[in-house]
Amino acid sequence: MVRNSGSGSIKKIDYNAPVAERDTILAVLQSDIGIAALILVFAGFLLTKAETYETKRGDKYRVIALLSLVPVLACAASIWICMDGIEGSVWCAAHSLGSLKVVLVMAGIYAIIATVWSAT
């Protein structure tokens, strides 16, 4: 079976990849799913809180909830990279841990912005 690695070349899938590498990619995948789930729960909480306010304060919570889409979409991209890495893409396997770092930075920035903006 062959897989296009994205660079135009066709490579064979290595189903005999080292177990440690596959376990690392699976751990990154689980972390991405967990982070996305936590952010979505927080966004749902913000949306229900926004419904209780009929003023501009409710609009602020809606905007903060909509901003949660940025780290969630980053999680989705990282999940896609991990899934391709598990399937045998060499580039994706090599960059899966880096994509988790990007997700963590984006989630941290979102948490800081959401905390500071909702406190004002």
C-alpha atoms as a PDB file:
ATOM      1  CA  MET A   1       0.000   0.000   0.000  1.00  0.00           C
ATOM      2  CA  VAL A   2       1.289   3.458  -0.840  1.00  0.00           C
ATOM      3  CA  ARG A   3       0.590   6.854   0.625  1.00  0.00           C
ATOM      4  CA  ASN A   4       1.287  10.308  -0.728  1.00  0.00           C
ATOM      5  CA  SER A   5       3.313  12.108   1.924  1.00  0.00           C
ATOM      6  CA  GLY A   6       2.276  15.527   0.678  1.00  0.00           C
ATOM      7  CA  SER A   7       5.574  16.417  -0.960  1.00  0.00           C
ATOM      8  CA  GLY A   8       4.685  14.833  -4.282  1.00  0.00           C
ATOM      9  CA  SER A   9       6.597  11.632  -3.628  1.00  0.00           C
ATOM     10  CA  ILE A  10       4.955   8.314  -2.951  1.00  0.00           C
ATOM     11  CA  LYS A  11       6.275   6.316  -0.024  1.00  0.00           C
ATOM     12  CA  LYS A  12       5.395   2.945   1.385  1.00  0.00           C
ATOM     13  CA  ILE A  13       3.566   2.880   4.683  1.00  0.00           C
ATOM     14  CA  ASP A  14       5.770   1.474   7.389  1.00  0.00           C
ATOM     15  CA  TYR A  15       3.436  -0.569   9.566  1.00  0.00           C
ATOM     16  CA  ASN A  16       6.476  -1.806  11.449  1.00  0.00           C
ATOM     17  CA  ALA A  17       7.347   1.650  12.779  1.00  0.00           C
ATOM     18  CA  PRO A  18       8.908   1.688  16.230  1.00  0.00           C
ATOM     19  CA  VAL A  19       6.316   1.274  18.948  1.00  0.00           C
ATOM     20  CA  ALA A  20       7.669   4.217  20.932  1.00  0.00           C
ATOM     21  CA  GLU A  21       7.131   6.562  17.979  1.00  0.00           C
ATOM     22  CA  ARG A  22       3.563   5.379  17.456  1.00  0.00           C
ATOM     23  CA  ASP A  23       2.873   5.643  21.185  1.00  0.00           C
ATOM     24  CA  THR A  24       4.174   9.212  21.201  1.00  0.00           C
ATOM     25  CA  ILE A  25       1.922  10.141  18.292  1.00  0.00           C
ATOM     26  CA  LEU A  26      -1.050   8.497  20.034  1.00  0.00           C
ATOM     27  CA  ALA A  27      -0.283  10.431  23.230  1.00  0.00           C
ATOM     28  CA  VAL A  28      -0.172  13.694  21.258  1.00  0.00           C
ATOM     29  CA  LEU A  29      -3.455  12.749  19.575  1.00  0.00           C
ATOM     30  CA  GLN A  30      -5.110  12.114  22.946  1.00  0.00           C
ATOM     31  CA  SER A  31      -3.783  15.419  24.284  1.00  0.00           C
ATOM     32  CA  ASP A  32      -5.161  17.314  21.298  1.00  0.00           C
ATOM     33  CA  ILE A  33      -8.576  15.723  21.713  1.00  0.00           C
ATOM     34  CA  GLY A  34      -8.584  16.507  25.439  1.00  0.00           C
ATOM     35  CA  ILE A  35      -7.598  20.147  24.939  1.00  0.00           C
ATOM     36  CA  ALA A  36     -10.264  20.631  22.257  1.00  0.00           C
ATOM     37  CA  ALA A  37     -12.891  19.070  24.522  1.00  0.00           C
ATOM     38  CA  LEU A  38     -11.978  21.315  27.463  1.00  0.00           C
ATOM     39  CA  ILE A  39     -12.085  24.441  25.328  1.00  0.00           C
ATOM     40  CA  LEU A  40     -15.459  23.450  23.844  1.00  0.00           C
ATOM     41  CA  VAL A  41     -16.913  22.856  27.322  1.00  0.00           C
ATOM     42  CA  PHE A  42     -15.647  26.279  28.402  1.00  0.00           C
ATOM     43  CA  ALA A  43     -17.144  27.882  25.277  1.00  0.00           C
ATOM     44  CA  GLY A  44     -20.487  26.214  26.005  1.00  0.00           C
ATOM     45  CA  PHE A  45     -20.376  27.585  29.535  1.00  0.00           C
ATOM     46  CA  LEU A  46     -19.695  31.066  28.187  1.00  0.00           C
ATOM     47  CA  LEU A  47     -22.570  30.854  25.719  1.00  0.00           C
ATOM     48  CA  THR A  48     -25.031  29.840  28.436  1.00  0.00           C
ATOM     49  CA  LYS A  49     -23.746  32.652  30.633  1.00  0.00           C
ATOM     50  CA  ALA A  50     -24.145  35.104  27.748  1.00  0.00           C
ATOM     51  CA  GLU A  51     -27.796  34.136  27.421  1.00  0.00           C
ATOM     52  CA  THR A  52     -28.480  35.224  30.995  1.00  0.00           C
ATOM     53  CA  TYR A  53     -27.345  38.766  30.218  1.00  0.00           C
ATOM     54  CA  GLU A  54     -29.389  40.909  27.845  1.00  0.00           C
ATOM     55  CA  THR A  55     -26.882  43.744  27.804  1.00  0.00           C
ATOM     56  CA  LYS A  56     -23.530  44.354  26.156  1.00  0.00           C
ATOM     57  CA  ARG A  57     -21.966  42.189  28.864  1.00  0.00           C
ATOM     58  CA  GLY A  58     -23.604  39.192  27.197  1.00  0.00           C
ATOM     59  CA  ASP A  59     -22.106  40.237  23.871  1.00  0.00           C
ATOM     60  CA  LYS A  60     -18.649  40.142  25.447  1.00  0.00           C
ATOM     61  CA  TYR A  61     -19.156  36.532  26.536  1.00  0.00           C
ATOM     62  CA  ARG A  62     -20.403  35.585  23.068  1.00  0.00           C
ATOM     63  CA  VAL A  63     -17.271  37.051  21.473  1.00  0.00           C
ATOM     64  CA  ILE A  64     -15.020  35.206  23.923  1.00  0.00           C
ATOM     65  CA  ALA A  65     -16.882  31.976  23.133  1.00  0.00           C
ATOM     66  CA  LEU A  66     -16.479  32.562  19.391  1.00  0.00           C
ATOM     67  CA  LEU A  67     -12.762  33.203  19.853  1.00  0.00           C
ATOM     68  CA  SER A  68     -12.492  29.671  21.235  1.00  0.00           C
ATOM     69  CA  LEU A  69     -12.818  28.449  17.659  1.00  0.00           C
ATOM     70  CA  VAL A  70      -9.208  29.489  16.971  1.00  0.00           C
ATOM     71  CA  PRO A  71      -7.558  26.995  19.378  1.00  0.00           C
ATOM     72  CA  VAL A  72     -10.185  24.356  18.572  1.00  0.00           C
ATOM     73  CA  LEU A  73      -9.349  24.606  14.863  1.00  0.00           C
ATOM     74  CA  ALA A  74      -5.657  24.376  15.773  1.00  0.00           C
ATOM     75  CA  CYS A  75      -6.482  21.196  17.699  1.00  0.00           C
ATOM     76  CA  ALA A  76      -8.326  19.843  14.670  1.00  0.00           C
ATOM     77  CA  ALA A  77      -5.312  20.494  12.452  1.00  0.00           C
ATOM     78  CA  SER A  78      -3.009  18.829  14.973  1.00  0.00           C
ATOM     79  CA  ILE A  79      -5.357  15.841  15.215  1.00  0.00           C
ATOM     80  CA  TRP A  80      -5.245  15.533  11.422  1.00  0.00           C
ATOM     81  CA  ILE A  81      -1.430  15.628  11.489  1.00  0.00           C
ATOM     82  CA  CYS A  82      -1.359  12.912  14.164  1.00  0.00           C
ATOM     83  CA  MET A  83      -3.746  10.700  12.233  1.00  0.00           C
ATOM     84  CA  ASP A  84      -1.587  11.001   9.115  1.00  0.00           C
ATOM     85  CA  GLY A  85       1.477  10.256  11.234  1.00  0.00           C
ATOM     86  CA  ILE A  86      -0.123   7.078  12.538  1.00  0.00           C
ATOM     87  CA  GLU A  87      -0.922   6.076   8.952  1.00  0.00           C
ATOM     88  CA  GLY A  88       2.748   6.361   8.055  1.00  0.00           C
ATOM     89  CA  SER A  89       3.445   9.875   6.818  1.00  0.00           C
ATOM     90  CA  VAL A  90       7.022  10.623   7.768  1.00  0.00           C
ATOM     91  CA  TRP A  91       6.572  14.411   7.771  1.00  0.00           C
ATOM     92  CA  CYS A  92       3.467  14.216   9.965  1.00  0.00           C
ATOM     93  CA  ALA A  93       5.112  11.817  12.402  1.00  0.00           C
ATOM     94  CA  ALA A  94       8.076  14.160  12.734  1.00  0.00           C
ATOM     95  CA  HIS A  95       5.916  17.263  13.261  1.00  0.00           C
ATOM     96  CA  SER A  96       3.157  15.892  15.505  1.00  0.00           C
ATOM     97  CA  LEU A  97       4.887  16.977  18.713  1.00  0.00           C
ATOM     98  CA  GLY A  98       5.499  20.432  17.265  1.00  0.00           C
ATOM     99  CA  SER A  99       1.829  20.757  16.416  1.00  0.00           C
ATOM    100  CA  LEU A 100       0.975  19.988  20.059  1.00  0.00           C
ATOM    101  CA  LYS A 101       3.297  22.800  21.135  1.00  0.00           C
ATOM    102  CA  VAL A 102       1.468  25.198  18.817  1.00  0.00           C
ATOM    103  CA  VAL A 103      -1.884  24.062  20.228  1.00  0.00           C
ATOM    104  CA  LEU A 104      -0.676  24.566  23.801  1.00  0.00           C
ATOM    105  CA  VAL A 105       0.570  28.076  23.031  1.00  0.00           C
ATOM    106  CA  MET A 106      -2.692  29.011  21.295  1.00  0.00           C
ATOM    107  CA  ALA A 107      -4.787  27.574  24.129  1.00  0.00           C
ATOM    108  CA  GLY A 108      -2.690  29.469  26.668  1.00  0.00           C
ATOM    109  CA  ILE A 109      -3.039  32.744  24.789  1.00  0.00           C
ATOM    110  CA  TYR A 110      -6.790  32.178  24.497  1.00  0.00           C
ATOM    111  CA  ALA A 111      -7.046  31.452  28.231  1.00  0.00           C
ATOM    112  CA  ILE A 112      -5.183  34.650  29.095  1.00  0.00           C
ATOM    113  CA  ILE A 113      -7.284  36.771  26.729  1.00  0.00           C
ATOM    114  CA  ALA A 114     -10.542  35.205  27.940  1.00  0.00           C
ATOM    115  CA  THR A 115      -9.630  35.699  31.604  1.00  0.00           C
ATOM    116  CA  VAL A 116      -8.499  39.298  31.253  1.00  0.00           C
ATOM    117  CA  TRP A 117     -11.340  40.312  28.946  1.00  0.00           C
ATOM    118  CA  SER A 118     -14.088  38.699  31.022  1.00  0.00           C
ATOM    119  CA  ALA A 119     -12.735  40.281  34.212  1.00  0.00           C
ATOM    120  CA  THR A 120     -13.106  43.810  32.847  1.00  0.00           C
END
